[in-house]
N, C-alpha and C. Protein backbone atom coordinates (compact mmCIF):
# COMPACT_ATOMS: atom_id res chain seq x y z
N MET A 1 -22.42 28.29 -43.18
CA MET A 1 -20.81 29.11 -43.08
C MET A 1 -19.75 28.55 -42.06
N MET A 2 -20.12 28.75 -40.89
CA MET A 2 -18.86 28.11 -39.96
C MET A 2 -19.71 26.95 -39.27
N VAL A 3 -18.65 25.90 -39.19
CA VAL A 3 -19.03 24.44 -39.09
C VAL A 3 -18.47 24.41 -37.28
N GLY A 4 -19.40 24.58 -36.53
CA GLY A 4 -18.94 24.43 -35.20
C GLY A 4 -18.24 25.35 -34.23
N GLY A 5 -18.09 26.80 -35.02
CA GLY A 5 -17.35 27.83 -34.78
C GLY A 5 -15.36 27.79 -35.39
N PHE A 6 -15.42 26.70 -35.96
CA PHE A 6 -14.06 26.73 -36.63
C PHE A 6 -13.80 27.70 -37.87
N GLY A 7 -14.61 27.18 -39.13
CA GLY A 7 -14.39 28.59 -39.98
C GLY A 7 -13.16 28.29 -40.50
N ILE A 8 -13.04 29.53 -41.73
CA ILE A 8 -11.79 29.61 -42.22
C ILE A 8 -11.14 30.46 -41.35
N PRO A 9 -11.30 31.53 -40.58
CA PRO A 9 -9.98 31.93 -39.49
C PRO A 9 -9.67 31.08 -38.54
N GLY A 10 -10.29 30.00 -38.20
CA GLY A 10 -9.67 28.68 -37.43
C GLY A 10 -8.62 27.80 -38.08
N LEU A 11 -9.15 27.80 -39.22
CA LEU A 11 -7.99 26.85 -40.45
C LEU A 11 -6.51 27.75 -40.75
N GLY A 12 -7.17 28.85 -40.68
CA GLY A 12 -5.73 29.67 -40.61
C GLY A 12 -4.69 29.72 -39.54
N MET A 13 -5.73 29.88 -38.37
CA MET A 13 -4.88 29.66 -37.34
C MET A 13 -4.18 28.08 -37.01
N LEU A 14 -4.70 27.26 -37.39
CA LEU A 14 -4.29 25.71 -37.39
C LEU A 14 -2.98 25.81 -38.37
N LEU A 15 -3.10 26.07 -39.65
CA LEU A 15 -2.04 26.23 -40.18
C LEU A 15 -0.80 26.72 -39.78
N PHE A 16 -0.97 28.11 -39.22
CA PHE A 16 -0.08 28.97 -38.68
C PHE A 16 0.74 28.02 -37.75
N TRP A 17 0.30 27.76 -36.77
CA TRP A 17 0.67 26.83 -35.50
C TRP A 17 1.41 25.77 -36.18
N GLY A 18 0.48 25.17 -37.25
CA GLY A 18 1.35 23.82 -37.69
C GLY A 18 2.65 23.95 -38.21
N LEU A 19 2.60 25.41 -39.16
CA LEU A 19 4.03 25.54 -39.89
C LEU A 19 5.20 26.07 -38.87
N PHE A 20 4.61 26.45 -37.73
CA PHE A 20 5.53 27.32 -36.63
C PHE A 20 6.19 26.36 -35.97
N LEU A 21 5.27 25.31 -35.44
CA LEU A 21 6.01 24.00 -35.06
C LEU A 21 7.01 23.42 -35.47
N ILE A 22 6.51 23.00 -37.52
CA ILE A 22 7.31 22.21 -38.21
C ILE A 22 8.94 23.13 -38.40
N LEU A 23 8.85 24.37 -38.60
CA LEU A 23 10.34 25.29 -38.69
C LEU A 23 10.68 24.99 -37.24
N LEU A 24 9.96 25.19 -36.25
CA LEU A 24 11.04 24.99 -35.18
C LEU A 24 11.58 23.62 -34.81
N VAL A 25 11.13 22.73 -35.33
CA VAL A 25 12.10 21.47 -35.04
C VAL A 25 12.89 21.16 -36.16
N LEU A 26 12.45 21.70 -37.17
CA LEU A 26 13.53 21.65 -38.30
C LEU A 26 15.11 22.60 -37.70
N LEU A 27 14.54 23.85 -36.97
CA LEU A 27 15.80 24.57 -36.36
C LEU A 27 16.14 23.93 -35.47
N ILE A 28 15.67 23.09 -34.55
CA ILE A 28 16.23 22.64 -33.22
C ILE A 28 17.23 21.68 -33.99
N ASN A 29 16.63 20.46 -34.90
CA ASN A 29 17.27 19.47 -35.20
C ASN A 29 18.83 20.22 -36.29
N GLY A 30 18.55 20.90 -36.90
CA GLY A 30 19.67 21.59 -37.75
C GLY A 30 20.70 22.30 -36.84
N PHE A 31 20.42 22.52 -35.57
CA PHE A 31 21.57 23.03 -34.53
C PHE A 31 22.22 21.82 -33.74
N SER A 32 21.23 20.87 -33.47
CA SER A 32 21.52 19.73 -32.67
C SER A 32 22.63 18.94 -33.63
N SER A 33 22.33 18.74 -34.88
CA SER A 33 22.78 17.58 -35.54
C SER A 33 24.24 17.89 -35.88
N GLY A 34 24.28 19.10 -36.07
CA GLY A 34 25.98 19.89 -36.03
C GLY A 34 26.87 19.62 -35.07
N THR A 35 26.81 19.26 -33.80
CA THR A 35 27.85 19.11 -32.76
C THR A 35 27.93 17.60 -33.10
N GLY A 36 27.32 16.78 -33.33
CA GLY A 36 27.48 15.42 -33.09
C GLY A 36 27.93 14.49 -34.33
N GLU A 37 28.30 15.10 -35.56
CA GLU A 37 28.42 14.64 -36.88
C GLU A 37 30.07 14.13 -36.83
N ARG A 38 30.11 12.89 -37.12
CA ARG A 38 31.47 12.62 -37.42
C ARG A 38 32.30 13.24 -38.59
N SER A 39 33.48 13.33 -38.30
CA SER A 39 34.46 14.08 -39.62
C SER A 39 34.79 13.10 -40.55
N GLY A 40 34.41 11.61 -40.60
CA GLY A 40 34.83 10.83 -41.41
C GLY A 40 36.42 10.47 -41.18
N LYS A 41 37.17 10.88 -40.25
CA LYS A 41 38.50 10.70 -40.06
C LYS A 41 38.73 9.76 -39.14
N THR A 42 39.87 8.98 -39.36
CA THR A 42 40.03 7.71 -38.39
C THR A 42 40.42 8.25 -36.96
N ALA A 43 40.83 7.53 -35.96
CA ALA A 43 41.06 7.67 -34.64
C ALA A 43 42.79 8.44 -34.90
N ARG A 44 43.12 7.57 -35.78
CA ARG A 44 44.61 8.06 -35.99
C ARG A 44 45.04 9.33 -36.78
N GLU A 45 44.34 9.47 -37.67
CA GLU A 45 44.25 10.81 -38.22
C GLU A 45 44.06 11.69 -37.30
N ILE A 46 43.18 11.68 -36.50
CA ILE A 46 42.67 12.98 -35.50
C ILE A 46 43.95 12.92 -34.42
N LEU A 47 44.98 11.90 -34.15
CA LEU A 47 45.74 12.12 -33.30
C LEU A 47 47.06 12.30 -34.09
N ASP A 48 47.04 12.06 -35.19
CA ASP A 48 48.28 12.85 -35.92
C ASP A 48 48.11 14.26 -35.93
N GLU A 49 46.69 14.77 -36.47
CA GLU A 49 46.61 16.21 -36.07
C GLU A 49 46.65 16.66 -35.04
N ARG A 50 46.22 16.18 -33.61
CA ARG A 50 46.65 16.77 -32.69
C ARG A 50 48.30 17.05 -32.62
N PHE A 51 48.74 15.86 -32.52
CA PHE A 51 50.11 15.90 -32.27
C PHE A 51 50.77 16.97 -33.80
N ALA A 52 50.52 17.32 -34.50
CA ALA A 52 50.99 17.92 -35.45
C ALA A 52 50.76 19.67 -34.61
N CYS A 53 49.70 19.69 -34.14
CA CYS A 53 49.16 21.33 -33.86
C CYS A 53 49.60 21.58 -32.63
N GLY A 54 50.36 20.67 -32.09
CA GLY A 54 50.92 20.52 -30.61
C GLY A 54 50.14 20.64 -29.27
N GLU A 55 48.83 20.26 -29.24
CA GLU A 55 48.01 19.75 -28.73
C GLU A 55 48.56 18.81 -27.47
N ILE A 56 49.31 17.85 -28.10
CA ILE A 56 49.68 16.47 -27.24
C ILE A 56 51.26 16.80 -27.53
N ASN A 57 51.83 16.26 -26.50
CA ASN A 57 53.61 16.06 -26.50
C ASN A 57 54.06 14.86 -27.04
N PRO A 58 55.12 14.64 -27.27
CA PRO A 58 55.57 13.40 -28.18
C PRO A 58 55.24 11.75 -27.27
N GLY A 59 55.34 12.01 -25.92
CA GLY A 59 55.20 11.08 -24.80
C GLY A 59 53.73 10.53 -24.85
N GLU A 60 52.93 11.57 -25.11
CA GLU A 60 51.60 11.12 -25.05
C GLU A 60 50.99 10.65 -26.41
N TYR A 61 51.76 11.17 -27.29
CA TYR A 61 51.20 10.64 -28.71
C TYR A 61 51.67 9.03 -28.78
N GLU A 62 52.94 8.94 -28.45
CA GLU A 62 53.42 7.77 -28.79
C GLU A 62 52.57 6.85 -27.50
N ALA A 63 52.21 7.01 -26.46
CA ALA A 63 51.29 6.26 -25.68
C ALA A 63 49.75 5.95 -26.53
N LYS A 64 49.47 6.80 -26.80
CA LYS A 64 47.87 7.34 -27.47
C LYS A 64 47.69 6.27 -28.68
N LYS A 65 48.96 6.22 -29.40
CA LYS A 65 49.32 5.41 -30.87
C LYS A 65 49.37 4.08 -30.17
N LYS A 66 49.91 3.71 -29.27
CA LYS A 66 50.24 2.39 -28.94
C LYS A 66 48.83 1.62 -28.36
N ALA A 67 48.24 2.74 -27.75
CA ALA A 67 46.79 2.34 -27.27
C ALA A 67 45.59 2.14 -28.31
N LEU A 68 45.82 2.76 -29.63
CA LEU A 68 45.21 2.57 -30.71
C LEU A 68 45.51 1.37 -31.57
N THR A 69 46.37 0.73 -31.38
CA THR A 69 46.99 -0.39 -31.97
C THR A 69 46.56 -1.72 -31.61
């Protein structure tokens, strides 16, 4: 019935911990990938948005725009 003390209960525990670890890895990857994703926008588009929102003043905008070209 039981081979080396492993048996069905041991297999169930092994499957439980295996699924737990897989879910844990997927959960961690899901949270960490959300922070580093690129938005698909160019640097100039991001700069224009920052200027439009008032995050940077006209002098900074012109200097950064010049640096990008």
